[in-house]
Amino acid sequence: MGWDARADGRPDPGEVCWAWVPYEEDASQGKDRPVLVIGAQGASLLALQLTSQDHDRDAEQERRAGRVWMDVGTGDWDAQRRPSEVRLNRLLHLDPASVRREGAAVDRATFDAVVEAARPWL
C-alpha cells in the first residue's frame, strides 16, 4: 500500500473520493461519504471512511463501541474545509464503479501515518 495519488480520473491510493458506504448495523442502508483509498485487492478498492465529526471529544465512548479514529486534517474533499477524521478499524472493499467522484488527496506523510495506524486491522 503506497501513496500514488494522480489526477487521472481514477481513484488512486492517497485520494479522498466519494462513495456509498453501507451502515454497519444495516448494510441495506448507507450514506454517501468521503473515503480514503489506501489500495486495491483484486477488482476492489480498499478504503477507509472519513467524517467531519470530531470524535476526540467522545474518544472513550467510541473505543468502547469498537471504533478507532485518527485526525487527518482538512482538504478539498470538504467544501467547508472542516477537520476530518478517518476510521482506522473498518476496511471497506468498494467496487470502483461505486466511487462517484474524485475529491482530493492527502499528502504522502498523512497517508503513510494512516496506513501505519490502521495496520492492525488491515
PDB file of N, CA and C in Angstrom:
ATOM      1  N   MET A   1       0.838  -1.169   0.000  1.00  0.00           N
ATOM      2  CA  MET A   1       0.000   0.000   0.000  1.00  0.00           C
ATOM      3  C   MET A   1       0.881   1.228   0.000  1.00  0.00           C
ATOM      4  N   GLY A   2       0.954   1.850  -1.131  1.00  0.00           N
ATOM      5  CA  GLY A   2       1.765   3.049  -1.228  1.00  0.00           C
ATOM      6  C   GLY A   2       0.991   4.196  -1.841  1.00  0.00           C
ATOM      7  N   TRP A   3       1.315   5.392  -1.422  1.00  0.00           N
ATOM      8  CA  TRP A   3       0.684   6.609  -1.926  1.00  0.00           C
ATOM      9  C   TRP A   3       0.953   6.723  -3.416  1.00  0.00           C
ATOM     10  N   ASP A   4      -0.078   6.962  -4.208  1.00  0.00           N
ATOM     11  CA  ASP A   4       0.077   7.065  -5.658  1.00  0.00           C
ATOM     12  C   ASP A   4      -1.009   7.969  -6.239  1.00  0.00           C
ATOM     13  N   ALA A   5      -1.313   9.054  -5.551  1.00  0.00           N
ATOM     14  CA  ALA A   5      -2.388   9.952  -5.992  1.00  0.00           C
ATOM     15  C   ALA A   5      -1.991  10.658  -7.284  1.00  0.00           C
ATOM     16  N   ARG A   6      -2.840  10.490  -8.300  1.00  0.00           N
ATOM     17  CA  ARG A   6      -2.621  11.133  -9.595  1.00  0.00           C
ATOM     18  C   ARG A   6      -3.946  11.694 -10.087  1.00  0.00           C
ATOM     19  N   ALA A   7      -3.912  12.846 -10.704  1.00  0.00           N
ATOM     20  CA  ALA A   7      -5.134  13.454 -11.254  1.00  0.00           C
ATOM     21  C   ALA A   7      -5.422  12.825 -12.615  1.00  0.00           C
ATOM     22  N   ASP A   8      -5.842  11.559 -12.586  1.00  0.00           N
ATOM     23  CA  ASP A   8      -6.069  10.835 -13.836  1.00  0.00           C
ATOM     24  C   ASP A   8      -7.508  10.356 -13.985  1.00  0.00           C
ATOM     25  N   GLY A   9      -8.396  10.810 -13.100  1.00  0.00           N
ATOM     26  CA  GLY A   9      -9.798  10.413 -13.204  1.00  0.00           C
ATOM     27  C   GLY A   9     -10.120   9.084 -12.551  1.00  0.00           C
ATOM     28  N   ARG A  10      -9.093   8.346 -12.133  1.00  0.00           N
ATOM     29  CA  ARG A  10      -9.310   7.065 -11.448  1.00  0.00           C
ATOM     30  C   ARG A  10      -8.912   7.212  -9.989  1.00  0.00           C
ATOM     31  N   PRO A  11      -9.604   6.511  -9.097  1.00  0.00           N
ATOM     32  CA  PRO A  11      -9.236   6.585  -7.678  1.00  0.00           C
ATOM     33  C   PRO A  11      -7.917   5.855  -7.418  1.00  0.00           C
ATOM     34  N   ASP A  12      -6.993   6.553  -6.814  1.00  0.00           N
ATOM     35  CA  ASP A  12      -5.668   6.010  -6.524  1.00  0.00           C
ATOM     36  C   ASP A  12      -5.396   6.078  -5.022  1.00  0.00           C
ATOM     37  N   PRO A  13      -4.479   5.242  -4.516  1.00  0.00           N
ATOM     38  CA  PRO A  13      -4.117   5.319  -3.100  1.00  0.00           C
ATOM     39  C   PRO A  13      -3.635   6.727  -2.727  1.00  0.00           C
ATOM     40  N   GLY A  14      -4.233   7.253  -1.671  1.00  0.00           N
ATOM     41  CA  GLY A  14      -3.926   8.601  -1.222  1.00  0.00           C
ATOM     42  C   GLY A  14      -5.017   9.597  -1.556  1.00  0.00           C
ATOM     43  N   GLU A  15      -5.922   9.209  -2.456  1.00  0.00           N
ATOM     44  CA  GLU A  15      -7.002  10.114  -2.840  1.00  0.00           C
ATOM     45  C   GLU A  15      -8.212   9.945  -1.937  1.00  0.00           C
ATOM     46  N   VAL A  16      -8.871  11.050  -1.688  1.00  0.00           N
ATOM     47  CA  VAL A  16     -10.149  11.036  -0.990  1.00  0.00           C
ATOM     48  C   VAL A  16     -11.218  11.160  -2.059  1.00  0.00           C
ATOM     49  N   CYS A  17     -12.038  10.128  -2.168  1.00  0.00           N
ATOM     50  CA  CYS A  17     -13.115  10.074  -3.143  1.00  0.00           C
ATOM     51  C   CYS A  17     -14.433   9.938  -2.392  1.00  0.00           C
ATOM     52  N   TRP A  18     -15.508   9.974  -3.119  1.00  0.00           N
ATOM     53  CA  TRP A  18     -16.832   9.822  -2.511  1.00  0.00           C
ATOM     54  C   TRP A  18     -17.441   8.517  -2.978  1.00  0.00           C
ATOM     55  N   ALA A  19     -18.051   7.793  -2.044  1.00  0.00           N
ATOM     56  CA  ALA A  19     -18.662   6.500  -2.365  1.00  0.00           C
ATOM     57  C   ALA A  19     -19.825   6.242  -1.418  1.00  0.00           C
ATOM     58  N   TRP A  20     -20.698   5.356  -1.839  1.00  0.00           N
ATOM     59  CA  TRP A  20     -21.789   4.897  -0.985  1.00  0.00           C
ATOM     60  C   TRP A  20     -21.196   3.915   0.013  1.00  0.00           C
ATOM     61  N   VAL A  21     -21.344   4.226   1.302  1.00  0.00           N
ATOM     62  CA  VAL A  21     -20.803   3.368   2.354  1.00  0.00           C
ATOM     63  C   VAL A  21     -21.970   2.822   3.167  1.00  0.00           C
ATOM     64  N   PRO A  22     -22.141   1.490   3.187  1.00  0.00           N
ATOM     65  CA  PRO A  22     -23.251   0.914   3.962  1.00  0.00           C
ATOM     66  C   PRO A  22     -23.038   1.098   5.461  1.00  0.00           C
ATOM     67  N   TYR A  23     -24.143   1.256   6.169  1.00  0.00           N
ATOM     68  CA  TYR A  23     -24.074   1.325   7.629  1.00  0.00           C
ATOM     69  C   TYR A  23     -23.675  -0.043   8.167  1.00  0.00           C
ATOM     70  N   GLU A  24     -22.912  -0.069   9.229  1.00  0.00           N
ATOM     71  CA  GLU A  24     -22.504  -1.338   9.839  1.00  0.00           C
ATOM     72  C   GLU A  24     -23.699  -2.103  10.383  1.00  0.00           C
ATOM     73  N   GLU A  25     -24.632  -1.390  10.994  1.00  0.00           N
ATOM     74  CA  GLU A  25     -25.765  -2.049  11.644  1.00  0.00           C
ATOM     75  C   GLU A  25     -26.854  -2.474  10.664  1.00  0.00           C
ATOM     76  N   ASP A  26     -26.841  -1.942   9.434  1.00  0.00           N
ATOM     77  CA  ASP A  26     -27.845  -2.298   8.428  1.00  0.00           C
ATOM     78  C   ASP A  26     -27.253  -2.037   7.052  1.00  0.00           C
ATOM     79  N   ALA A  27     -26.650  -3.063   6.468  1.00  0.00           N
ATOM     80  CA  ALA A  27     -25.955  -2.914   5.191  1.00  0.00           C
ATOM     81  C   ALA A  27     -26.889  -2.579   4.032  1.00  0.00           C
ATOM     82  N   SER A  28     -28.201  -2.693   4.240  1.00  0.00           N
ATOM     83  CA  SER A  28     -29.135  -2.320   3.173  1.00  0.00           C
ATOM     84  C   SER A  28     -29.304  -0.799   3.103  1.00  0.00           C
ATOM     85  N   GLN A  29     -28.767  -0.091   4.089  1.00  0.00           N
ATOM     86  CA  GLN A  29     -28.811   1.366   4.100  1.00  0.00           C
ATOM     87  C   GLN A  29     -27.385   1.893   4.202  1.00  0.00           C
ATOM     88  N   GLY A  30     -27.220   3.160   3.898  1.00  0.00           N
ATOM     89  CA  GLY A  30     -25.889   3.735   3.971  1.00  0.00           C
ATOM     90  C   GLY A  30     -25.913   5.219   3.726  1.00  0.00           C
ATOM     91  N   LYS A  31     -24.731   5.731   3.377  1.00  0.00           N
ATOM     92  CA  LYS A  31     -24.585   7.172   3.212  1.00  0.00           C
ATOM     93  C   LYS A  31     -23.469   7.445   2.212  1.00  0.00           C
ATOM     94  N   ASP A  32     -23.659   8.483   1.408  1.00  0.00           N
ATOM     95  CA  ASP A  32     -22.608   8.941   0.521  1.00  0.00           C
ATOM     96  C   ASP A  32     -21.594   9.688   1.382  1.00  0.00           C
ATOM     97  N   ARG A  33     -20.345   9.223   1.369  1.00  0.00           N
ATOM     98  CA  ARG A  33     -19.369   9.846   2.255  1.00  0.00           C
ATOM     99  C   ARG A  33     -17.980   9.801   1.628  1.00  0.00           C
ATOM    100  N   PRO A  34     -17.082  10.641   2.138  1.00  0.00           N
ATOM    101  CA  PRO A  34     -15.711  10.590   1.649  1.00  0.00           C
ATOM    102  C   PRO A  34     -14.994   9.361   2.195  1.00  0.00           C
ATOM    103  N   VAL A  35     -14.148   8.798   1.361  1.00  0.00           N
ATOM    104  CA  VAL A  35     -13.329   7.651   1.752  1.00  0.00           C
ATOM    105  C   VAL A  35     -11.898   7.909   1.289  1.00  0.00           C
ATOM    106  N   LEU A  36     -10.953   7.422   2.064  1.00  0.00           N
ATOM    107  CA  LEU A  36      -9.546   7.496   1.685  1.00  0.00           C
ATOM    108  C   LEU A  36      -9.169   6.165   1.054  1.00  0.00           C
ATOM    109  N   VAL A  37      -8.824   6.196  -0.220  1.00  0.00           N
ATOM    110  CA  VAL A  37      -8.392   4.983  -0.913  1.00  0.00           C
ATOM    111  C   VAL A  37      -6.982   4.651  -0.429  1.00  0.00           C
ATOM    112  N   ILE A  38      -6.798   3.401   0.041  1.00  0.00           N
ATOM    113  CA  ILE A  38      -5.473   3.014   0.538  1.00  0.00           C
ATOM    114  C   ILE A  38      -4.830   1.916  -0.301  1.00  0.00           C
ATOM    115  N   GLY A  39      -5.585   1.325  -1.230  1.00  0.00           N
ATOM    116  CA  GLY A  39      -5.017   0.279  -2.066  1.00  0.00           C
ATOM    117  C   GLY A  39      -6.087  -0.429  -2.858  1.00  0.00           C
ATOM    118  N   ALA A  40      -5.716  -1.599  -3.358  1.00  0.00           N
ATOM    119  CA  ALA A  40      -6.642  -2.425  -4.129  1.00  0.00           C
ATOM    120  C   ALA A  40      -6.391  -3.883  -3.788  1.00  0.00           C
ATOM    121  N   GLN A  41      -7.440  -4.676  -3.942  1.00  0.00           N
ATOM    122  CA  GLN A  41      -7.335  -6.119  -3.746  1.00  0.00           C
ATOM    123  C   GLN A  41      -8.212  -6.753  -4.810  1.00  0.00           C
ATOM    124  N   GLY A  42      -7.588  -7.411  -5.758  1.00  0.00           N
ATOM    125  CA  GLY A  42      -8.354  -7.933  -6.878  1.00  0.00           C
ATOM    126  C   GLY A  42      -9.017  -6.778  -7.607  1.00  0.00           C
ATOM    127  N   ALA A  43     -10.316  -6.905  -7.837  1.00  0.00           N
ATOM    128  CA  ALA A  43     -11.062  -5.855  -8.534  1.00  0.00           C
ATOM    129  C   ALA A  43     -11.608  -4.790  -7.589  1.00  0.00           C
ATOM    130  N   SER A  44     -11.374  -4.935  -6.284  1.00  0.00           N
ATOM    131  CA  SER A  44     -11.935  -3.998  -5.301  1.00  0.00           C
ATOM    132  C   SER A  44     -10.923  -2.936  -4.886  1.00  0.00           C
ATOM    133  N   LEU A  45     -11.446  -1.755  -4.594  1.00  0.00           N
ATOM    134  CA  LEU A  45     -10.642  -0.723  -3.951  1.00  0.00           C
ATOM    135  C   LEU A  45     -10.711  -0.939  -2.450  1.00  0.00           C
ATOM    136  N   LEU A  46      -9.631  -0.711  -1.758  1.00  0.00           N
ATOM    137  CA  LEU A  46      -9.608  -0.748  -0.299  1.00  0.00           C
ATOM    138  C   LEU A  46      -9.618   0.695   0.183  1.00  0.00           C
ATOM    139  N   ALA A  47     -10.521   0.993   1.102  1.00  0.00           N
ATOM    140  CA  ALA A  47     -10.672   2.376   1.545  1.00  0.00           C
ATOM    141  C   ALA A  47     -11.073   2.432   3.009  1.00  0.00           C
ATOM    142  N   LEU A  48     -10.873   3.593   3.597  1.00  0.00           N
ATOM    143  CA  LEU A  48     -11.274   3.881   4.972  1.00  0.00           C
ATOM    144  C   LEU A  48     -12.187   5.103   4.940  1.00  0.00           C
ATOM    145  N   GLN A  49     -13.262   5.053   5.704  1.00  0.00           N
ATOM    146  CA  GLN A  49     -14.227   6.153   5.678  1.00  0.00           C
ATOM    147  C   GLN A  49     -13.736   7.358   6.464  1.00  0.00           C
ATOM    148  N   LEU A  50     -14.141   8.538   6.001  1.00  0.00           N
ATOM    149  CA  LEU A  50     -13.829   9.786   6.679  1.00  0.00           C
ATOM    150  C   LEU A  50     -15.099  10.396   7.248  1.00  0.00           C
ATOM    151  N   THR A  51     -14.920  11.277   8.211  1.00  0.00           N
ATOM    152  CA  THR A  51     -16.031  12.034   8.771  1.00  0.00           C
ATOM    153  C   THR A  51     -15.518  13.399   9.200  1.00  0.00           C
ATOM    154  N   SER A  52     -16.419  14.365   9.216  1.00  0.00           N
ATOM    155  CA  SER A  52     -16.069  15.683   9.753  1.00  0.00           C
ATOM    156  C   SER A  52     -16.496  15.798  11.215  1.00  0.00           C
ATOM    157  N   GLN A  53     -17.083  14.731  11.747  1.00  0.00           N
ATOM    158  CA  GLN A  53     -17.458  14.718  13.165  1.00  0.00           C
ATOM    159  C   GLN A  53     -16.194  14.590  14.013  1.00  0.00           C
ATOM    160  N   ASP A  54     -16.123  15.351  15.081  1.00  0.00           N
ATOM    161  CA  ASP A  54     -14.963  15.318  15.959  1.00  0.00           C
ATOM    162  C   ASP A  54     -15.148  14.239  17.021  1.00  0.00           C
ATOM    163  N   HIS A  55     -14.432  13.135  16.860  1.00  0.00           N
ATOM    164  CA  HIS A  55     -14.546  12.039  17.823  1.00  0.00           C
ATOM    165  C   HIS A  55     -13.527  12.141  18.954  1.00  0.00           C
ATOM    166  N   ASP A  56     -12.703  13.184  18.945  1.00  0.00           N
ATOM    167  CA  ASP A  56     -11.780  13.385  20.066  1.00  0.00           C
ATOM    168  C   ASP A  56     -12.553  13.643  21.352  1.00  0.00           C
ATOM    169  N   ARG A  57     -13.698  14.322  21.218  1.00  0.00           N
ATOM    170  CA  ARG A  57     -14.500  14.662  22.402  1.00  0.00           C
ATOM    171  C   ARG A  57     -15.109  13.435  23.055  1.00  0.00           C
ATOM    172  N   ASP A  58     -15.392  12.408  22.245  1.00  0.00           N
ATOM    173  CA  ASP A  58     -16.030  11.196  22.776  1.00  0.00           C
ATOM    174  C   ASP A  58     -15.176   9.964  22.486  1.00  0.00           C
ATOM    175  N   ALA A  59     -13.864  10.133  22.547  1.00  0.00           N
ATOM    176  CA  ALA A  59     -12.935   9.066  22.176  1.00  0.00           C
ATOM    177  C   ALA A  59     -13.152   7.796  22.992  1.00  0.00           C
ATOM    178  N   GLU A  60     -13.364   7.928  24.286  1.00  0.00           N
ATOM    179  CA  GLU A  60     -13.558   6.743  25.129  1.00  0.00           C
ATOM    180  C   GLU A  60     -14.838   6.004  24.750  1.00  0.00           C
ATOM    181  N   GLN A  61     -15.896   6.735  24.518  1.00  0.00           N
ATOM    182  CA  GLN A  61     -17.161   6.119  24.089  1.00  0.00           C
ATOM    183  C   GLN A  61     -16.989   5.417  22.741  1.00  0.00           C
ATOM    184  N   GLU A  62     -16.278   6.048  21.826  1.00  0.00           N
ATOM    185  CA  GLU A  62     -16.030   5.444  20.518  1.00  0.00           C
ATOM    186  C   GLU A  62     -15.215   4.160  20.662  1.00  0.00           C
ATOM    187  N   ARG A  63     -14.193   4.175  21.508  1.00  0.00           N
ATOM    188  CA  ARG A  63     -13.381   2.965  21.726  1.00  0.00           C
ATOM    189  C   ARG A  63     -14.228   1.833  22.296  1.00  0.00           C
ATOM    190  N   ARG A  64     -15.095   2.165  23.266  1.00  0.00           N
ATOM    191  CA  ARG A  64     -15.974   1.131  23.837  1.00  0.00           C
ATOM    192  C   ARG A  64     -16.903   0.553  22.774  1.00  0.00           C
ATOM    193  N   ALA A  65     -17.289   1.372  21.813  1.00  0.00           N
ATOM    194  CA  ALA A  65     -18.163   0.909  20.730  1.00  0.00           C
ATOM    195  C   ALA A  65     -17.367   0.199  19.634  1.00  0.00           C
ATOM    196  N   GLY A  66     -16.046   0.154  19.785  1.00  0.00           N
ATOM    197  CA  GLY A  66     -15.214  -0.554  18.817  1.00  0.00           C
ATOM    198  C   GLY A  66     -14.818   0.274  17.613  1.00  0.00           C
ATOM    199  N   ARG A  67     -14.858   1.595  17.732  1.00  0.00           N
ATOM    200  CA  ARG A  67     -14.492   2.467  16.613  1.00  0.00           C
ATOM    201  C   ARG A  67     -13.231   3.242  16.978  1.00  0.00           C
ATOM    202  N   VAL A  68     -12.263   3.214  16.068  1.00  0.00           N
ATOM    203  CA  VAL A  68     -10.984   3.878  16.301  1.00  0.00           C
ATOM    204  C   VAL A  68     -10.775   4.915  15.196  1.00  0.00           C
ATOM    205  N   TRP A  69     -10.530   6.160  15.594  1.00  0.00           N
ATOM    206  CA  TRP A  69     -10.420   7.280  14.660  1.00  0.00           C
ATOM    207  C   TRP A  69      -9.052   7.942  14.761  1.00  0.00           C
ATOM    208  N   MET A  70      -8.677   8.625  13.667  1.00  0.00           N
ATOM    209  CA  MET A  70      -7.422   9.380  13.619  1.00  0.00           C
ATOM    210  C   MET A  70      -7.673  10.681  12.870  1.00  0.00           C
ATOM    211  N   ASP A  71      -7.151  11.774  13.385  1.00  0.00           N
ATOM    212  CA  ASP A  71      -7.264  13.066  12.700  1.00  0.00           C
ATOM    213  C   ASP A  71      -6.413  13.062  11.434  1.00  0.00           C
ATOM    214  N   VAL A  72      -6.980  13.610  10.337  1.00  0.00           N
ATOM    215  CA  VAL A  72      -6.221  13.732   9.087  1.00  0.00           C
ATOM    216  C   VAL A  72      -6.190  15.165   8.561  1.00  0.00           C
ATOM    217  N   GLY A  73      -6.781  16.085   9.306  1.00  0.00           N
ATOM    218  CA  GLY A  73      -6.724  17.485   8.896  1.00  0.00           C
ATOM    219  C   GLY A  73      -7.821  17.869   7.924  1.00  0.00           C
ATOM    220  N   THR A  74      -7.552  18.908   7.164  1.00  0.00           N
ATOM    221  CA  THR A  74      -8.541  19.434   6.224  1.00  0.00           C
ATOM    222  C   THR A  74      -8.096  19.179   4.797  1.00  0.00           C
ATOM    223  N   GLY A  75      -9.058  19.290   3.884  1.00  0.00           N
ATOM    224  CA  GLY A  75      -8.734  19.107   2.475  1.00  0.00           C
ATOM    225  C   GLY A  75      -9.890  19.509   1.588  1.00  0.00           C
ATOM    226  N   ASP A  76      -9.645  19.481   0.296  1.00  0.00           N
ATOM    227  CA  ASP A  76     -10.651  19.881  -0.683  1.00  0.00           C
ATOM    228  C   ASP A  76     -11.831  18.927  -0.764  1.00  0.00           C
ATOM    229  N   TRP A  77     -11.772  17.786  -0.092  1.00  0.00           N
ATOM    230  CA  TRP A  77     -12.912  16.867  -0.094  1.00  0.00           C
ATOM    231  C   TRP A  77     -14.085  17.432   0.704  1.00  0.00           C
ATOM    232  N   ASP A  78     -13.837  18.422   1.544  1.00  0.00           N
ATOM    233  CA  ASP A  78     -14.901  19.058   2.326  1.00  0.00           C
ATOM    234  C   ASP A  78     -14.969  20.527   1.921  1.00  0.00           C
ATOM    235  N   ALA A  79     -16.101  20.915   1.323  1.00  0.00           N
ATOM    236  CA  ALA A  79     -16.254  22.278   0.809  1.00  0.00           C
ATOM    237  C   ALA A  79     -16.074  23.327   1.894  1.00  0.00           C
ATOM    238  N   GLN A  80     -16.377  22.976   3.139  1.00  0.00           N
ATOM    239  CA  GLN A  80     -16.236  23.924   4.247  1.00  0.00           C
ATOM    240  C   GLN A  80     -14.869  23.824   4.925  1.00  0.00           C
ATOM    241  N   ARG A  81     -14.027  22.928   4.412  1.00  0.00           N
ATOM    242  CA  ARG A  81     -12.669  22.725   4.942  1.00  0.00           C
ATOM    243  C   ARG A  81     -12.668  22.423   6.436  1.00  0.00           C
ATOM    244  N   ARG A  82     -13.651  21.610   6.849  1.00  0.00           N
ATOM    245  CA  ARG A  82     -13.703  21.186   8.255  1.00  0.00           C
ATOM    246  C   ARG A  82     -12.634  20.121   8.494  1.00  0.00           C
ATOM    247  N   PRO A  83     -12.062  20.073   9.685  1.00  0.00           N
ATOM    248  CA  PRO A  83     -11.120  18.996  10.006  1.00  0.00           C
ATOM    249  C   PRO A  83     -11.820  17.641   9.888  1.00  0.00           C
ATOM    250  N   SER A  84     -11.094  16.664   9.380  1.00  0.00           N
ATOM    251  CA  SER A  84     -11.659  15.329   9.184  1.00  0.00           C
ATOM    252  C   SER A  84     -10.915  14.295  10.005  1.00  0.00           C
ATOM    253  N   GLU A  85     -11.611  13.194  10.239  1.00  0.00           N
ATOM    254  CA  GLU A  85     -11.025  12.029  10.890  1.00  0.00           C
ATOM    255  C   GLU A  85     -11.283  10.818  10.006  1.00  0.00           C
ATOM    256  N   VAL A  86     -10.368   9.864  10.066  1.00  0.00           N
ATOM    257  CA  VAL A  86     -10.509   8.623   9.313  1.00  0.00           C
ATOM    258  C   VAL A  86     -10.718   7.490  10.311  1.00  0.00           C
ATOM    259  N   ARG A  87     -11.613   6.583   9.966  1.00  0.00           N
ATOM    260  CA  ARG A  87     -11.840   5.415  10.826  1.00  0.00           C
ATOM    261  C   ARG A  87     -10.821   4.349  10.454  1.00  0.00           C
ATOM    262  N   LEU A  88     -10.009   3.982  11.410  1.00  0.00           N
ATOM    263  CA  LEU A  88      -8.899   3.069  11.154  1.00  0.00           C
ATOM    264  C   LEU A  88      -9.301   1.606  11.125  1.00  0.00           C
ATOM    265  N   ASN A  89     -10.345   1.237  11.830  1.00  0.00           N
ATOM    266  CA  ASN A  89     -10.632  -0.189  12.004  1.00  0.00           C
ATOM    267  C   ASN A  89     -11.885  -0.658  11.270  1.00  0.00           C
ATOM    268  N   ARG A  90     -12.175  -0.032  10.138  1.00  0.00           N
ATOM    269  CA  ARG A  90     -13.247  -0.528   9.274  1.00  0.00           C
ATOM    270  C   ARG A  90     -12.773  -0.431   7.829  1.00  0.00           C
ATOM    271  N   LEU A  91     -12.219  -1.512   7.330  1.00  0.00           N
ATOM    272  CA  LEU A  91     -11.718  -1.555   5.966  1.00  0.00           C
ATOM    273  C   LEU A  91     -12.881  -1.796   5.016  1.00  0.00           C
ATOM    274  N   LEU A  92     -13.028  -0.910   4.045  1.00  0.00           N
ATOM    275  CA  LEU A  92     -14.098  -1.022   3.058  1.00  0.00           C
ATOM    276  C   LEU A  92     -13.550  -1.622   1.771  1.00  0.00           C
ATOM    277  N   HIS A  93     -14.293  -2.545   1.205  1.00  0.00           N
ATOM    278  CA  HIS A  93     -13.984  -3.118  -0.106  1.00  0.00           C
ATOM    279  C   HIS A  93     -15.016  -2.540  -1.064  1.00  0.00           C
ATOM    280  N   LEU A  94     -14.578  -1.663  -1.957  1.00  0.00           N
ATOM    281  CA  LEU A  94     -15.502  -0.945  -2.828  1.00  0.00           C
ATOM    282  C   LEU A  94     -15.318  -1.330  -4.281  1.00  0.00           C
ATOM    283  N   ASP A  95     -16.424  -1.432  -4.980  1.00  0.00           N
ATOM    284  CA  ASP A  95     -16.405  -1.578  -6.428  1.00  0.00           C
ATOM    285  C   ASP A  95     -15.971  -0.228  -6.992  1.00  0.00           C
ATOM    286  N   PRO A  96     -14.939  -0.186  -7.830  1.00  0.00           N
ATOM    287  CA  PRO A  96     -14.509   1.107  -8.380  1.00  0.00           C
ATOM    288  C   PRO A  96     -15.649   1.883  -9.040  1.00  0.00           C
ATOM    289  N   ALA A  97     -16.636   1.175  -9.569  1.00  0.00           N
ATOM    290  CA  ALA A  97     -17.780   1.849 -10.192  1.00  0.00           C
ATOM    291  C   ALA A  97     -18.646   2.563  -9.162  1.00  0.00           C
ATOM    292  N   SER A  98     -18.514   2.198  -7.872  1.00  0.00           N
ATOM    293  CA  SER A  98     -19.322   2.843  -6.837  1.00  0.00           C
ATOM    294  C   SER A  98     -18.711   4.162  -6.372  1.00  0.00           C
ATOM    295  N   VAL A  99     -17.487   4.437  -6.786  1.00  0.00           N
ATOM    296  CA  VAL A  99     -16.839   5.702  -6.444  1.00  0.00           C
ATOM    297  C   VAL A  99     -17.323   6.725  -7.461  1.00  0.00           C
ATOM    298  N   ARG A 100     -18.145   7.643  -6.988  1.00  0.00           N
ATOM    299  CA  ARG A 100     -18.831   8.537  -7.909  1.00  0.00           C
ATOM    300  C   ARG A 100     -18.063   9.769  -8.347  1.00  0.00           C
ATOM    301  N   ARG A 101     -17.186  10.260  -7.535  1.00  0.00           N
ATOM    302  CA  ARG A 101     -16.434  11.432  -7.966  1.00  0.00           C
ATOM    303  C   ARG A 101     -15.129  11.530  -7.184  1.00  0.00           C
ATOM    304  N   GLU A 102     -14.141  12.068  -7.821  1.00  0.00           N
ATOM    305  CA  GLU A 102     -12.850  12.256  -7.174  1.00  0.00           C
ATOM    306  C   GLU A 102     -12.893  13.518  -6.338  1.00  0.00           C
ATOM    307  N   GLY A 103     -12.317  13.478  -5.188  1.00  0.00           N
ATOM    308  CA  GLY A 103     -12.327  14.645  -4.315  1.00  0.00           C
ATOM    309  C   GLY A 103     -10.991  15.350  -4.296  1.00  0.00           C
ATOM    310  N   ALA A 104     -10.067  14.835  -3.553  1.00  0.00           N
ATOM    311  CA  ALA A 104      -8.765  15.463  -3.360  1.00  0.00           C
ATOM    312  C   ALA A 104      -7.809  14.371  -2.892  1.00  0.00           C
ATOM    313  N   ALA A 105      -6.654  14.768  -2.425  1.00  0.00           N
ATOM    314  CA  ALA A 105      -5.689  13.788  -1.925  1.00  0.00           C
ATOM    315  C   ALA A 105      -5.112  14.271  -0.604  1.00  0.00           C
ATOM    316  N   VAL A 106      -4.739  13.311   0.228  1.00  0.00           N
ATOM    317  CA  VAL A 106      -3.961  13.637   1.418  1.00  0.00           C
ATOM    318  C   VAL A 106      -2.493  13.605   1.010  1.00  0.00           C
ATOM    319  N   ASP A 107      -1.648  14.275   1.752  1.00  0.00           N
ATOM    320  CA  ASP A 107      -0.226  14.242   1.420  1.00  0.00           C
ATOM    321  C   ASP A 107       0.355  12.874   1.794  1.00  0.00           C
ATOM    322  N   ARG A 108       1.513  12.604   1.247  1.00  0.00           N
ATOM    323  CA  ARG A 108       2.150  11.293   1.451  1.00  0.00           C
ATOM    324  C   ARG A 108       2.391  10.997   2.932  1.00  0.00           C
ATOM    325  N   ALA A 109       2.816  11.985   3.714  1.00  0.00           N
ATOM    326  CA  ALA A 109       3.090  11.758   5.142  1.00  0.00           C
ATOM    327  C   ALA A 109       1.816  11.376   5.888  1.00  0.00           C
ATOM    328  N   THR A 110       0.709  12.048   5.592  1.00  0.00           N
ATOM    329  CA  THR A 110      -0.566  11.710   6.232  1.00  0.00           C
ATOM    330  C   THR A 110      -1.001  10.316   5.825  1.00  0.00           C
ATOM    331  N   PHE A 111      -0.904  10.005   4.538  1.00  0.00           N
ATOM    332  CA  PHE A 111      -1.271   8.679   4.043  1.00  0.00           C
ATOM    333  C   PHE A 111      -0.461   7.600   4.761  1.00  0.00           C
ATOM    334  N   ASP A 112       0.852   7.779   4.814  1.00  0.00           N
ATOM    335  CA  ASP A 112       1.711   6.780   5.462  1.00  0.00           C
ATOM    336  C   ASP A 112       1.348   6.608   6.935  1.00  0.00           C
ATOM    337  N   ALA A 113       1.046   7.713   7.623  1.00  0.00           N
ATOM    338  CA  ALA A 113       0.672   7.638   9.040  1.00  0.00           C
ATOM    339  C   ALA A 113      -0.646   6.896   9.220  1.00  0.00           C
ATOM    340  N   VAL A 114      -1.606   7.136   8.321  1.00  0.00           N
ATOM    341  CA  VAL A 114      -2.901   6.447   8.400  1.00  0.00           C
ATOM    342  C   VAL A 114      -2.719   4.952   8.173  1.00  0.00           C
ATOM    343  N   VAL A 115      -1.996   4.577   7.130  1.00  0.00           N
ATOM    344  CA  VAL A 115      -1.796   3.152   6.830  1.00  0.00           C
ATOM    345  C   VAL A 115      -1.082   2.462   7.989  1.00  0.00           C
ATOM    346  N   GLU A 116      -0.079   3.105   8.555  1.00  0.00           N
ATOM    347  CA  GLU A 116       0.643   2.513   9.688  1.00  0.00           C
ATOM    348  C   GLU A 116      -0.286   2.349  10.896  1.00  0.00           C
ATOM    349  N   ALA A 117      -1.095   3.360  11.179  1.00  0.00           N
ATOM    350  CA  ALA A 117      -2.013   3.284  12.321  1.00  0.00           C
ATOM    351  C   ALA A 117      -3.113   2.251  12.097  1.00  0.00           C
ATOM    352  N   ALA A 118      -3.516   2.056  10.844  1.00  0.00           N
ATOM    353  CA  ALA A 118      -4.588   1.102  10.521  1.00  0.00           C
ATOM    354  C   ALA A 118      -4.077  -0.325  10.377  1.00  0.00           C
ATOM    355  N   ARG A 119      -2.781  -0.500  10.283  1.00  0.00           N
ATOM    356  CA  ARG A 119      -2.199  -1.825  10.006  1.00  0.00           C
ATOM    357  C   ARG A 119      -2.751  -2.958  10.876  1.00  0.00           C
ATOM    358  N   PRO A 120      -3.000  -2.763  12.179  1.00  0.00           N
ATOM    359  CA  PRO A 120      -3.543  -3.878  12.978  1.00  0.00           C
ATOM    360  C   PRO A 120      -4.894  -4.398  12.484  1.00  0.00           C
ATOM    361  N   TRP A 121      -5.628  -3.599  11.717  1.00  0.00           N
ATOM    362  CA  TRP A 121      -6.955  -4.009  11.261  1.00  0.00           C
ATOM    363  C   TRP A 121      -6.995  -4.338   9.778  1.00  0.00           C
ATOM    364  N   LEU A 122      -5.850  -4.241   9.104  1.00  0.00           N
ATOM    365  CA  LEU A 122      -5.834  -4.500   7.656  1.00  0.00           C
ATOM    366  C   LEU A 122      -5.613  -5.965   7.360  1.00  0.00           C
TER     367      LEU A 122
END
